[in-house]
PDB file of N, CA and C in Angstrom:
ATOM      1  N   MET A   1       2.305 -14.368  19.379  1.00  0.00           N
ATOM      2  CA  MET A   1       0.310 -14.584  19.505  1.00  0.00           C
ATOM      3  C   MET A   1       0.450 -13.181  20.122  1.00  0.00           C
ATOM      4  N   GLU A   2       0.931 -13.042  21.396  1.00  0.00           N
ATOM      5  CA  GLU A   2       0.496 -11.913  22.536  1.00  0.00           C
ATOM      6  C   GLU A   2       0.235 -10.415  21.468  1.00  0.00           C
ATOM      7  N   TYR A   3       0.994 -10.069  20.240  1.00  0.00           N
ATOM      8  CA  TYR A   3       0.804  -9.187  19.347  1.00  0.00           C
ATOM      9  C   TYR A   3      -0.303  -9.021  18.727  1.00  0.00           C
ATOM     10  N   PHE A   4      -0.681 -10.473  18.506  1.00  0.00           N
ATOM     11  CA  PHE A   4      -1.783 -11.107  17.827  1.00  0.00           C
ATOM     12  C   PHE A   4      -3.059 -10.432  18.712  1.00  0.00           C
ATOM     13  N   ILE A   5      -2.511 -10.820  19.712  1.00  0.00           N
ATOM     14  CA  ILE A   5      -4.314 -10.935  20.546  1.00  0.00           C
ATOM     15  C   ILE A   5      -4.232  -9.735  21.159  1.00  0.00           C
ATOM     16  N   GLU A   6      -3.685  -9.101  21.179  1.00  0.00           N
ATOM     17  CA  GLU A   6      -3.338  -7.090  21.387  1.00  0.00           C
ATOM     18  C   GLU A   6      -4.050  -6.139  20.254  1.00  0.00           C
ATOM     19  N   ALA A   7      -3.726  -6.939  19.442  1.00  0.00           N
ATOM     20  CA  ALA A   7      -3.866  -6.402  18.073  1.00  0.00           C
ATOM     21  C   ALA A   7      -5.782  -6.234  17.758  1.00  0.00           C
ATOM     22  N   ILE A   8      -6.158  -7.577  17.929  1.00  0.00           N
ATOM     23  CA  ILE A   8      -7.943  -8.115  17.828  1.00  0.00           C
ATOM     24  C   ILE A   8      -8.269  -7.041  19.225  1.00  0.00           C
ATOM     25  N   ARG A   9      -7.363  -7.214  20.571  1.00  0.00           N
ATOM     26  CA  ARG A   9      -8.441  -6.090  21.140  1.00  0.00           C
ATOM     27  C   ARG A   9      -8.495  -5.004  21.061  1.00  0.00           C
ATOM     28  N   ARG A  10      -7.670  -4.043  20.262  1.00  0.00           N
ATOM     29  CA  ARG A  10      -7.348  -2.539  20.163  1.00  0.00           C
ATOM     30  C   ARG A  10      -7.656  -2.290  18.114  1.00  0.00           C
ATOM     31  N   TYR A  11      -9.088  -3.484  18.322  1.00  0.00           N
ATOM     32  CA  TYR A  11      -9.198  -3.535  16.800  1.00  0.00           C
ATOM     33  C   TYR A  11      -9.859  -1.705  16.759  1.00  0.00           C
ATOM     34  N   SER A  12     -10.502  -1.092  17.495  1.00  0.00           N
ATOM     35  CA  SER A  12     -10.856  -0.015  17.396  1.00  0.00           C
ATOM     36  C   SER A  12      -9.621   1.272  17.548  1.00  0.00           C
ATOM     37  N   ASP A  13      -8.716   0.917  17.980  1.00  0.00           N
ATOM     38  CA  ASP A  13      -8.126   2.381  18.441  1.00  0.00           C
ATOM     39  C   ASP A  13      -7.165   2.341  16.966  1.00  0.00           C
ATOM     40  N   PHE A  14      -7.403   3.452  16.803  1.00  0.00           N
ATOM     41  CA  PHE A  14      -7.058   3.937  15.535  1.00  0.00           C
ATOM     42  C   PHE A  14      -5.954   5.293  15.711  1.00  0.00           C
ATOM     43  N   LEU A  15      -5.772   5.721  16.478  1.00  0.00           N
ATOM     44  CA  LEU A  15      -5.397   6.783  17.169  1.00  0.00           C
ATOM     45  C   LEU A  15      -3.915   6.467  18.051  1.00  0.00           C
ATOM     46  N   GLY A  16      -3.744   5.634  18.722  1.00  0.00           N
ATOM     47  CA  GLY A  16      -2.540   5.496  19.522  1.00  0.00           C
ATOM     48  C   GLY A  16      -1.488   4.839  18.678  1.00  0.00           C
ATOM     49  N   LYS A  17      -0.527   4.413  19.383  1.00  0.00           N
ATOM     50  CA  LYS A  17       1.071   3.673  18.869  1.00  0.00           C
ATOM     51  C   LYS A  17       0.990   2.632  18.943  1.00  0.00           C
ATOM     52  N   SER A  18       1.591   1.433  17.858  1.00  0.00           N
ATOM     53  CA  SER A  18       2.581   0.356  17.685  1.00  0.00           C
ATOM     54  C   SER A  18       3.596   0.348  17.526  1.00  0.00           C
ATOM     55  N   THR A  19       4.486  -0.365  17.818  1.00  0.00           N
ATOM     56  CA  THR A  19       5.907  -0.532  18.111  1.00  0.00           C
ATOM     57  C   THR A  19       6.093  -1.097  16.436  1.00  0.00           C
ATOM     58  N   ARG A  20       7.303  -1.664  16.422  1.00  0.00           N
ATOM     59  CA  ARG A  20       7.670  -2.226  14.935  1.00  0.00           C
ATOM     60  C   ARG A  20       7.415  -3.532  15.572  1.00  0.00           C
ATOM     61  N   SER A  21       7.738  -4.007  16.429  1.00  0.00           N
ATOM     62  CA  SER A  21       7.566  -5.431  17.330  1.00  0.00           C
ATOM     63  C   SER A  21       5.964  -5.704  17.045  1.00  0.00           C
ATOM     64  N   GLN A  22       5.698  -5.004  17.423  1.00  0.00           N
ATOM     65  CA  GLN A  22       3.771  -5.150  17.577  1.00  0.00           C
ATOM     66  C   GLN A  22       3.332  -5.210  16.421  1.00  0.00           C
ATOM     67  N   PHE A  23       3.665  -4.518  15.416  1.00  0.00           N
ATOM     68  CA  PHE A  23       2.996  -4.600  13.793  1.00  0.00           C
ATOM     69  C   PHE A  23       3.856  -5.857  13.566  1.00  0.00           C
ATOM     70  N   TRP A  24       4.704  -6.191  13.453  1.00  0.00           N
ATOM     71  CA  TRP A  24       5.349  -7.093  12.856  1.00  0.00           C
ATOM     72  C   TRP A  24       5.676  -8.798  12.988  1.00  0.00           C
ATOM     73  N   GLY A  25       4.782  -8.637  14.676  1.00  0.00           N
ATOM     74  CA  GLY A  25       4.793  -9.717  15.421  1.00  0.00           C
ATOM     75  C   GLY A  25       3.241 -10.427  15.058  1.00  0.00           C
ATOM     76  N   PHE A  26       1.884  -8.815  14.271  1.00  0.00           N
ATOM     77  CA  PHE A  26       0.816  -9.528  14.214  1.00  0.00           C
ATOM     78  C   PHE A  26       1.090  -9.901  12.957  1.00  0.00           C
ATOM     79  N   GLN A  27       1.749  -8.950  11.750  1.00  0.00           N
ATOM     80  CA  GLN A  27       1.345  -9.468  10.406  1.00  0.00           C
ATOM     81  C   GLN A  27       2.002 -10.921  10.398  1.00  0.00           C
ATOM     82  N   VAL A  28       3.413 -11.686  11.388  1.00  0.00           N
ATOM     83  CA  VAL A  28       4.073 -12.935  11.106  1.00  0.00           C
ATOM     84  C   VAL A  28       2.330 -13.767  11.640  1.00  0.00           C
ATOM     85  N   PHE A  29       2.180 -13.591  12.542  1.00  0.00           N
ATOM     86  CA  PHE A  29       1.304 -14.799  13.203  1.00  0.00           C
ATOM     87  C   PHE A  29       0.295 -14.952  12.061  1.00  0.00           C
ATOM     88  N   ALA A  30      -0.649 -13.428  11.711  1.00  0.00           N
ATOM     89  CA  ALA A  30      -1.417 -13.230  11.076  1.00  0.00           C
ATOM     90  C   ALA A  30      -1.299 -14.206   9.698  1.00  0.00           C
ATOM     91  N   THR A  31      -0.409 -13.907   9.077  1.00  0.00           N
ATOM     92  CA  THR A  31      -0.202 -14.771   7.662  1.00  0.00           C
ATOM     93  C   THR A  31       0.427 -16.391   8.396  1.00  0.00           C
ATOM     94  N   ILE A  32       0.703 -16.302   9.209  1.00  0.00           N
ATOM     95  CA  ILE A  32       0.663 -18.698   9.258  1.00  0.00           C
ATOM     96  C   ILE A  32      -0.704 -18.912   9.353  1.00  0.00           C
ATOM     97  N   LEU A  33      -1.390 -18.048  10.445  1.00  0.00           N
ATOM     98  CA  LEU A  33      -3.287 -17.942  10.532  1.00  0.00           C
ATOM     99  C   LEU A  33      -3.742 -18.290   9.348  1.00  0.00           C
ATOM    100  N   ALA A  34      -3.261 -17.233   7.921  1.00  0.00           N
ATOM    101  CA  ALA A  34      -4.196 -17.556   7.212  1.00  0.00           C
ATOM    102  C   ALA A  34      -3.763 -18.800   6.292  1.00  0.00           C
ATOM    103  N   VAL A  35      -2.387 -18.902   6.329  1.00  0.00           N
ATOM    104  CA  VAL A  35      -1.725 -20.246   5.425  1.00  0.00           C
ATOM    105  C   VAL A  35      -2.544 -21.564   5.643  1.00  0.00           C
ATOM    106  N   VAL A  36      -2.572 -21.376   7.443  1.00  0.00           N
ATOM    107  CA  VAL A  36      -3.271 -22.755   7.798  1.00  0.00           C
ATOM    108  C   VAL A  36      -4.756 -22.830   7.724  1.00  0.00           C
ATOM    109  N   LEU A  37      -4.890 -22.043   7.570  1.00  0.00           N
ATOM    110  CA  LEU A  37      -6.690 -22.056   7.473  1.00  0.00           C
ATOM    111  C   LEU A  37      -6.922 -22.501   6.017  1.00  0.00           C
ATOM    112  N   ASN A  38      -6.198 -21.804   4.960  1.00  0.00           N
ATOM    113  CA  ASN A  38      -6.716 -22.171   3.737  1.00  0.00           C
ATOM    114  C   ASN A  38      -6.115 -23.553   3.243  1.00  0.00           C
ATOM    115  N   GLN A  39      -5.003 -24.550   4.211  1.00  0.00           N
ATOM    116  CA  GLN A  39      -4.919 -25.666   3.829  1.00  0.00           C
ATOM    117  C   GLN A  39      -6.272 -26.151   4.917  1.00  0.00           C
ATOM    118  N   LEU A  40      -6.537 -26.102   5.729  1.00  0.00           N
ATOM    119  CA  LEU A  40      -7.352 -26.502   6.083  1.00  0.00           C
ATOM    120  C   LEU A  40      -8.514 -26.561   5.048  1.00  0.00           C
ATOM    121  N   ASP A  41      -9.085 -25.427   4.740  1.00  0.00           N
ATOM    122  CA  ASP A  41     -10.171 -24.921   3.465  1.00  0.00           C
ATOM    123  C   ASP A  41      -9.763 -26.360   2.072  1.00  0.00           C
ATOM    124  N   ILE A  42      -8.642 -26.472   2.218  1.00  0.00           N
ATOM    125  CA  ILE A  42      -7.883 -26.961   0.467  1.00  0.00           C
ATOM    126  C   ILE A  42      -8.681 -28.601   0.977  1.00  0.00           C
ATOM    127  N   GLN A  43      -8.203 -28.782   2.248  1.00  0.00           N
ATOM    128  CA  GLN A  43      -8.126 -30.610   3.058  1.00  0.00           C
ATOM    129  C   GLN A  43      -9.313 -31.156   2.772  1.00  0.00           C
ATOM    130  N   SER A  44     -10.344 -29.933   3.916  1.00  0.00           N
ATOM    131  CA  SER A  44     -11.261 -30.329   4.004  1.00  0.00           C
ATOM    132  C   SER A  44     -12.606 -30.464   2.368  1.00  0.00           C
ATOM    133  N   GLY A  45     -12.382 -29.865   1.506  1.00  0.00           N
ATOM    134  CA  GLY A  45     -13.117 -29.671   0.196  1.00  0.00           C
ATOM    135  C   GLY A  45     -13.795 -28.347  -0.011  1.00  0.00           C
ATOM    136  N   ILE A  46     -13.786 -27.589   0.420  1.00  0.00           N
ATOM    137  CA  ILE A  46     -14.251 -26.241   0.978  1.00  0.00           C
ATOM    138  C   ILE A  46     -13.981 -25.244   0.247  1.00  0.00           C
ATOM    139  N   TRP A  47     -12.602 -25.617  -0.111  1.00  0.00           N
ATOM    140  CA  TRP A  47     -11.795 -24.537  -1.147  1.00  0.00           C
ATOM    141  C   TRP A  47     -12.245 -24.365  -2.594  1.00  0.00           C
ATOM    142  N   SER A  48     -12.672 -22.848  -2.842  1.00  0.00           N
ATOM    143  CA  SER A  48     -13.547 -22.698  -4.720  1.00  0.00           C
ATOM    144  C   SER A  48     -11.822 -21.897  -5.401  1.00  0.00           C
ATOM    145  N   GLU A  49     -11.579 -23.127  -6.371  1.00  0.00           N
ATOM    146  CA  GLU A  49     -10.976 -22.657  -6.880  1.00  0.00           C
ATOM    147  C   GLU A  49     -11.074 -21.475  -7.959  1.00  0.00           C
ATOM    148  N   GLU A  50     -12.617 -21.104  -8.457  1.00  0.00           N
ATOM    149  CA  GLU A  50     -13.057 -20.110  -9.065  1.00  0.00           C
ATOM    150  C   GLU A  50     -12.688 -18.380  -8.515  1.00  0.00           C
ATOM    151  N   TYR A  51     -13.000 -18.919  -7.133  1.00  0.00           N
ATOM    152  CA  TYR A  51     -12.566 -17.494  -6.288  1.00  0.00           C
ATOM    153  C   TYR A  51     -11.593 -17.282  -5.290  1.00  0.00           C
ATOM    154  N   ALA A  52     -10.727 -18.438  -5.396  1.00  0.00           N
ATOM    155  CA  ALA A  52      -9.529 -18.828  -4.870  1.00  0.00           C
ATOM    156  C   ALA A  52      -9.382 -18.437  -3.384  1.00  0.00           C
ATOM    157  N   ILE A  53     -10.695 -19.143  -2.478  1.00  0.00           N
ATOM    158  CA  ILE A  53     -11.027 -18.573  -0.876  1.00  0.00           C
ATOM    159  C   ILE A  53     -11.801 -19.623  -0.739  1.00  0.00           C
ATOM    160  N   GLY A  54     -11.500 -19.657   0.544  1.00  0.00           N
ATOM    161  CA  GLY A  54     -13.132 -20.838   1.396  1.00  0.00           C
ATOM    162  C   GLY A  54     -13.129 -20.364   2.265  1.00  0.00           C
ATOM    163  N   LEU A  55     -14.384 -21.324   3.082  1.00  0.00           N
ATOM    164  CA  LEU A  55     -15.096 -21.175   3.786  1.00  0.00           C
ATOM    165  C   LEU A  55     -14.422 -20.410   5.208  1.00  0.00           C
ATOM    166  N   TYR A  56     -13.102 -21.298   5.937  1.00  0.00           N
ATOM    167  CA  TYR A  56     -12.840 -20.537   7.318  1.00  0.00           C
ATOM    168  C   TYR A  56     -11.594 -19.596   6.452  1.00  0.00           C
ATOM    169  N   SER A  57     -10.686 -19.916   5.869  1.00  0.00           N
ATOM    170  CA  SER A  57     -10.229 -18.711   4.773  1.00  0.00           C
ATOM    171  C   SER A  57     -10.842 -17.314   4.995  1.00  0.00           C
ATOM    172  N   GLY A  58     -11.962 -17.219   4.315  1.00  0.00           N
ATOM    173  CA  GLY A  58     -12.929 -16.480   4.208  1.00  0.00           C
ATOM    174  C   GLY A  58     -13.450 -15.790   5.285  1.00  0.00           C
ATOM    175  N   LEU A  59     -13.914 -16.155   6.078  1.00  0.00           N
ATOM    176  CA  LEU A  59     -13.992 -15.479   7.430  1.00  0.00           C
ATOM    177  C   LEU A  59     -13.092 -15.352   8.042  1.00  0.00           C
ATOM    178  N   TYR A  60     -12.553 -15.323   8.107  1.00  0.00           N
ATOM    179  CA  TYR A  60     -10.603 -14.927   8.595  1.00  0.00           C
ATOM    180  C   TYR A  60     -10.463 -13.788   8.562  1.00  0.00           C
ATOM    181  N   THR A  61     -10.313 -13.598   7.038  1.00  0.00           N
ATOM    182  CA  THR A  61     -10.342 -12.741   6.520  1.00  0.00           C
ATOM    183  C   THR A  61     -11.135 -11.337   6.057  1.00  0.00           C
ATOM    184  N   ALA A  62     -12.353 -11.182   6.096  1.00  0.00           N
ATOM    185  CA  ALA A  62     -13.278 -10.748   7.108  1.00  0.00           C
ATOM    186  C   ALA A  62     -13.011 -10.545   8.413  1.00  0.00           C
ATOM    187  N   GLY A  63     -12.867 -11.008   8.634  1.00  0.00           N
ATOM    188  CA  GLY A  63     -12.890 -10.347  10.648  1.00  0.00           C
ATOM    189  C   GLY A  63     -11.555 -10.006  10.361  1.00  0.00           C
ATOM    190  N   ILE A  64     -10.334 -10.191  10.318  1.00  0.00           N
ATOM    191  CA  ILE A  64      -9.545  -9.615  10.182  1.00  0.00           C
ATOM    192  C   ILE A  64      -9.560  -7.934  10.141  1.00  0.00           C
ATOM    193  N   ILE A  65      -9.864  -7.896   8.699  1.00  0.00           N
ATOM    194  CA  ILE A  65      -9.706  -6.193   7.888  1.00  0.00           C
ATOM    195  C   ILE A  65      -9.448  -4.873   8.819  1.00  0.00           C
ATOM    196  N   VAL A  66     -10.517  -5.144   9.646  1.00  0.00           N
ATOM    197  CA  VAL A  66     -10.042  -4.016  10.428  1.00  0.00           C
ATOM    198  C   VAL A  66      -9.231  -3.791  11.618  1.00  0.00           C
ATOM    199  N   PRO A  67      -8.927  -4.570  12.450  1.00  0.00           N
ATOM    200  CA  PRO A  67      -7.691  -4.774  12.715  1.00  0.00           C
ATOM    201  C   PRO A  67      -6.345  -4.704  12.483  1.00  0.00           C
ATOM    202  N   SER A  68      -6.348  -5.043  11.590  1.00  0.00           N
ATOM    203  CA  SER A  68      -5.218  -5.205  10.274  1.00  0.00           C
ATOM    204  C   SER A  68      -4.846  -3.512  10.079  1.00  0.00           C
ATOM    205  N   LEU A  69      -6.166  -3.089   9.788  1.00  0.00           N
ATOM    206  CA  LEU A  69      -6.078  -1.520   9.232  1.00  0.00           C
ATOM    207  C   LEU A  69      -5.676  -0.278  10.304  1.00  0.00           C
ATOM    208  N   ALA A  70      -6.391  -1.236  11.668  1.00  0.00           N
ATOM    209  CA  ALA A  70      -6.225  -0.398  12.941  1.00  0.00           C
ATOM    210  C   ALA A  70      -4.711   0.080  13.276  1.00  0.00           C
ATOM    211  N   ILE A  71      -3.878  -1.362  13.227  1.00  0.00           N
ATOM    212  CA  ILE A  71      -2.459  -2.050  13.444  1.00  0.00           C
ATOM    213  C   ILE A  71      -1.493  -0.517  12.330  1.00  0.00           C
ATOM    214  N   LEU A  72      -1.662  -0.810  11.028  1.00  0.00           N
ATOM    215  CA  LEU A  72      -0.923   0.022  10.399  1.00  0.00           C
ATOM    216  C   LEU A  72      -1.323   1.605  10.744  1.00  0.00           C
ATOM    217  N   SER A  73      -2.487   2.146  10.982  1.00  0.00           N
ATOM    218  CA  SER A  73      -2.901   3.527  11.172  1.00  0.00           C
ATOM    219  C   SER A  73      -1.373   3.480  12.246  1.00  0.00           C
ATOM    220  N   ARG A  74      -1.555   2.849  13.960  1.00  0.00           N
ATOM    221  CA  ARG A  74      -0.743   2.817  14.849  1.00  0.00           C
ATOM    222  C   ARG A  74       0.600   3.399  14.692  1.00  0.00           C
ATOM    223  N   ARG A  75       0.776   2.197  13.368  1.00  0.00           N
ATOM    224  CA  ARG A  75       2.458   2.183  13.475  1.00  0.00           C
ATOM    225  C   ARG A  75       2.984   2.780  12.940  1.00  0.00           C
ATOM    226  N   LEU A  76       2.221   3.368  11.604  1.00  0.00           N
ATOM    227  CA  LEU A  76       2.089   4.974  10.841  1.00  0.00           C
ATOM    228  C   LEU A  76       2.118   6.320  11.945  1.00  0.00           C
ATOM    229  N   HIS A  77       1.481   6.008  12.634  1.00  0.00           N
ATOM    230  CA  HIS A  77       1.359   7.350  13.873  1.00  0.00           C
ATOM    231  C   HIS A  77       2.982   6.745  14.538  1.00  0.00           C
ATOM    232  N   ASP A  78       3.651   5.876  15.294  1.00  0.00           N
ATOM    233  CA  ASP A  78       4.755   5.675  15.724  1.00  0.00           C
ATOM    234  C   ASP A  78       5.832   5.978  14.745  1.00  0.00           C
ATOM    235  N   ALA A  79       5.552   5.907  13.505  1.00  0.00           N
ATOM    236  CA  ALA A  79       7.019   6.487  12.406  1.00  0.00           C
ATOM    237  C   ALA A  79       6.720   7.698  12.887  1.00  0.00           C
ATOM    238  N   GLY A  80       5.678   9.002  13.519  1.00  0.00           N
ATOM    239  CA  GLY A  80       5.981   9.943  13.178  1.00  0.00           C
ATOM    240  C   GLY A  80       4.886  10.259  11.642  1.00  0.00           C
ATOM    241  N   LYS A  81       4.232   9.700  11.539  1.00  0.00           N
ATOM    242  CA  LYS A  81       3.139  10.052  10.153  1.00  0.00           C
ATOM    243  C   LYS A  81       1.852   9.756  10.386  1.00  0.00           C
ATOM    244  N   SER A  82       0.818  10.432   9.546  1.00  0.00           N
ATOM    245  CA  SER A  82      -0.775  10.526   9.424  1.00  0.00           C
ATOM    246  C   SER A  82      -1.087   8.811   9.178  1.00  0.00           C
ATOM    247  N   GLY A  83      -1.840   8.180  10.219  1.00  0.00           N
ATOM    248  CA  GLY A  83      -2.419   6.744   9.349  1.00  0.00           C
ATOM    249  C   GLY A  83      -3.079   7.268   8.187  1.00  0.00           C
ATOM    250  N   TRP A  84      -3.364   8.052   7.914  1.00  0.00           N
ATOM    251  CA  TRP A  84      -3.666   8.354   6.531  1.00  0.00           C
ATOM    252  C   TRP A  84      -3.008   7.370   5.496  1.00  0.00           C
ATOM    253  N   MET A  85      -1.815   7.852   5.448  1.00  0.00           N
ATOM    254  CA  MET A  85      -0.907   7.657   4.709  1.00  0.00           C
ATOM    255  C   MET A  85      -0.608   5.942   4.148  1.00  0.00           C
ATOM    256  N   GLY A  86      -1.500   5.396   4.656  1.00  0.00           N
ATOM    257  CA  GLY A  86      -2.197   4.092   5.187  1.00  0.00           C
ATOM    258  C   GLY A  86      -2.505   3.540   3.265  1.00  0.00           C
ATOM    259  N   LEU A  87      -2.859   4.618   2.841  1.00  0.00           N
ATOM    260  CA  LEU A  87      -3.913   4.966   1.353  1.00  0.00           C
ATOM    261  C   LEU A  87      -2.925   5.153   0.620  1.00  0.00           C
ATOM    262  N   LEU A  88      -1.962   5.067   0.527  1.00  0.00           N
ATOM    263  CA  LEU A  88      -1.029   4.940  -0.467  1.00  0.00           C
ATOM    264  C   LEU A  88      -1.100   3.413  -1.105  1.00  0.00           C
ATOM    265  N   LEU A  89      -1.223   2.623  -0.057  1.00  0.00           N
ATOM    266  CA  LEU A  89      -1.082   1.141  -0.565  1.00  0.00           C
ATOM    267  C   LEU A  89      -1.912   0.855  -1.696  1.00  0.00           C
ATOM    268  N   LEU A  90      -3.212   2.149  -1.903  1.00  0.00           N
ATOM    269  CA  LEU A  90      -3.869   1.410  -3.122  1.00  0.00           C
ATOM    270  C   LEU A  90      -2.986   1.770  -4.479  1.00  0.00           C
ATOM    271  N   ILE A  91      -1.904   2.900  -4.442  1.00  0.00           N
ATOM    272  CA  ILE A  91      -1.254   2.900  -5.390  1.00  0.00           C
ATOM    273  C   ILE A  91       0.090   1.616  -5.582  1.00  0.00           C
ATOM    274  N   PRO A  92      -0.311   0.981  -6.618  1.00  0.00           N
ATOM    275  CA  PRO A  92       0.430  -0.353  -7.284  1.00  0.00           C
ATOM    276  C   PRO A  92       2.367   0.325  -7.096  1.00  0.00           C
ATOM    277  N   ILE A  93       2.988  -1.027  -6.460  1.00  0.00           N
ATOM    278  CA  ILE A  93       4.574  -1.417  -6.633  1.00  0.00           C
ATOM    279  C   ILE A  93       4.927   0.366  -5.707  1.00  0.00           C
ATOM    280  N   VAL A  94       4.408   1.184  -6.021  1.00  0.00           N
ATOM    281  CA  VAL A  94       5.496   2.475  -5.830  1.00  0.00           C
ATOM    282  C   VAL A  94       4.293   2.985  -4.396  1.00  0.00           C
ATOM    283  N   GLY A  95       3.357   2.727  -3.980  1.00  0.00           N
ATOM    284  CA  GLY A  95       2.562   2.872  -2.790  1.00  0.00           C
ATOM    285  C   GLY A  95       3.322   2.111  -1.904  1.00  0.00           C
ATOM    286  N   TRP A  96       3.153   0.846  -2.430  1.00  0.00           N
ATOM    287  CA  TRP A  96       3.561  -0.399  -1.725  1.00  0.00           C
ATOM    288  C   TRP A  96       5.442  -0.491  -0.626  1.00  0.00           C
ATOM    289  N   VAL A  97       5.772   0.297  -1.785  1.00  0.00           N
ATOM    290  CA  VAL A  97       7.275   0.158  -1.969  1.00  0.00           C
ATOM    291  C   VAL A  97       7.268   1.589  -0.650  1.00  0.00           C
ATOM    292  N   TRP A  98       6.705   2.467  -0.710  1.00  0.00           N
ATOM    293  CA  TRP A  98       6.688   4.132   0.139  1.00  0.00           C
ATOM    294  C   TRP A  98       6.232   3.578   1.497  1.00  0.00           C
ATOM    295  N   VAL A  99       5.135   2.692   1.482  1.00  0.00           N
ATOM    296  CA  VAL A  99       4.216   2.131   2.881  1.00  0.00           C
ATOM    297  C   VAL A  99       5.347   1.306   3.918  1.00  0.00           C
ATOM    298  N   GLY A 100       5.924   0.529   2.697  1.00  0.00           N
ATOM    299  CA  GLY A 100       6.919  -0.513   3.278  1.00  0.00           C
ATOM    300  C   GLY A 100       7.930   0.205   4.038  1.00  0.00           C
ATOM    301  N   ILE A 101       8.660   1.129   3.638  1.00  0.00           N
ATOM    302  CA  ILE A 101      10.026   1.743   4.116  1.00  0.00           C
ATOM    303  C   ILE A 101       9.418   2.698   5.389  1.00  0.00           C
ATOM    304  N   LEU A 102       8.139   3.331   5.100  1.00  0.00           N
ATOM    305  CA  LEU A 102       7.873   3.820   6.798  1.00  0.00           C
ATOM    306  C   LEU A 102       7.440   2.713   7.452  1.00  0.00           C
ATOM    307  N   LEU A 103       6.861   1.739   7.266  1.00  0.00           N
ATOM    308  CA  LEU A 103       6.686   0.315   8.605  1.00  0.00           C
ATOM    309  C   LEU A 103       7.922   0.292   8.848  1.00  0.00           C
ATOM    310  N   PHE A 104       9.073   0.582   8.475  1.00  0.00           N
ATOM    311  CA  PHE A 104      10.474  -0.119   9.339  1.00  0.00           C
ATOM    312  C   PHE A 104      10.999   0.932   9.888  1.00  0.00           C
ATOM    313  N   GLN A 105      10.523   2.372   9.544  1.00  0.00           N
ATOM    314  CA  GLN A 105      11.179   3.380  10.221  1.00  0.00           C
ATOM    315  C   GLN A 105      10.831   2.724  11.928  1.00  0.00           C
ATOM    316  N   PRO A 106      12.079   3.492  12.682  1.00  0.00           N
ATOM    317  CA  PRO A 106      12.468   3.643  14.058  1.00  0.00           C
ATOM    318  C   PRO A 106      11.026   4.604  14.481  1.00  0.00           C
ATOM    319  N   SER A 107      10.702   4.268  15.716  1.00  0.00           N
ATOM    320  CA  SER A 107      10.095   4.895  16.509  1.00  0.00           C
ATOM    321  C   SER A 107      10.086   6.472  16.876  1.00  0.00           C
ATOM    322  N   LYS A 108       9.421   7.196  16.834  1.00  0.00           N
ATOM    323  CA  LYS A 108       9.412   8.871  17.122  1.00  0.00           C
ATOM    324  C   LYS A 108       8.745   9.561  17.911  1.00  0.00           C
ATOM    325  N   SER A 109       9.040   9.352  19.404  1.00  0.00           N
ATOM    326  CA  SER A 109       8.387   9.470  20.305  1.00  0.00           C
ATOM    327  C   SER A 109       8.091  11.200  20.110  1.00  0.00           C
TER     328      SER A 109
END
C-alpha cells in the first residue's frame, strides 16, 4: 500500500525514476482496489451492464489515470528508456509485449 500512496503523491512527476518493486506494488494494489470497487458497484446496484462500469469504479478509474501514466514513465526511465516508450501500449499485442518486457528489466543507474 505504501507504493500506491507514494505513486499518488508523485502523480505529476514524469521525470524521476521508480523501481520494479514500486511499479509492481502500485499495480497490484491498484488492481485489487479496482476489483473491490467493481464488486461494490455490482452489490449496490449502480453497475451499468451497458457500459460495464459503475459509479465508484468509474470515479476511481478517472482518478488513477494520471498517477498510472506517471509511474509507467518513471519505471521506463529506471529501465534506461524514454517515458514516451509507453505510447507503444497503443499498439495491440506487439506493443503490450514490448512494454511488458521493458517493465521487467532491471534498473539502469
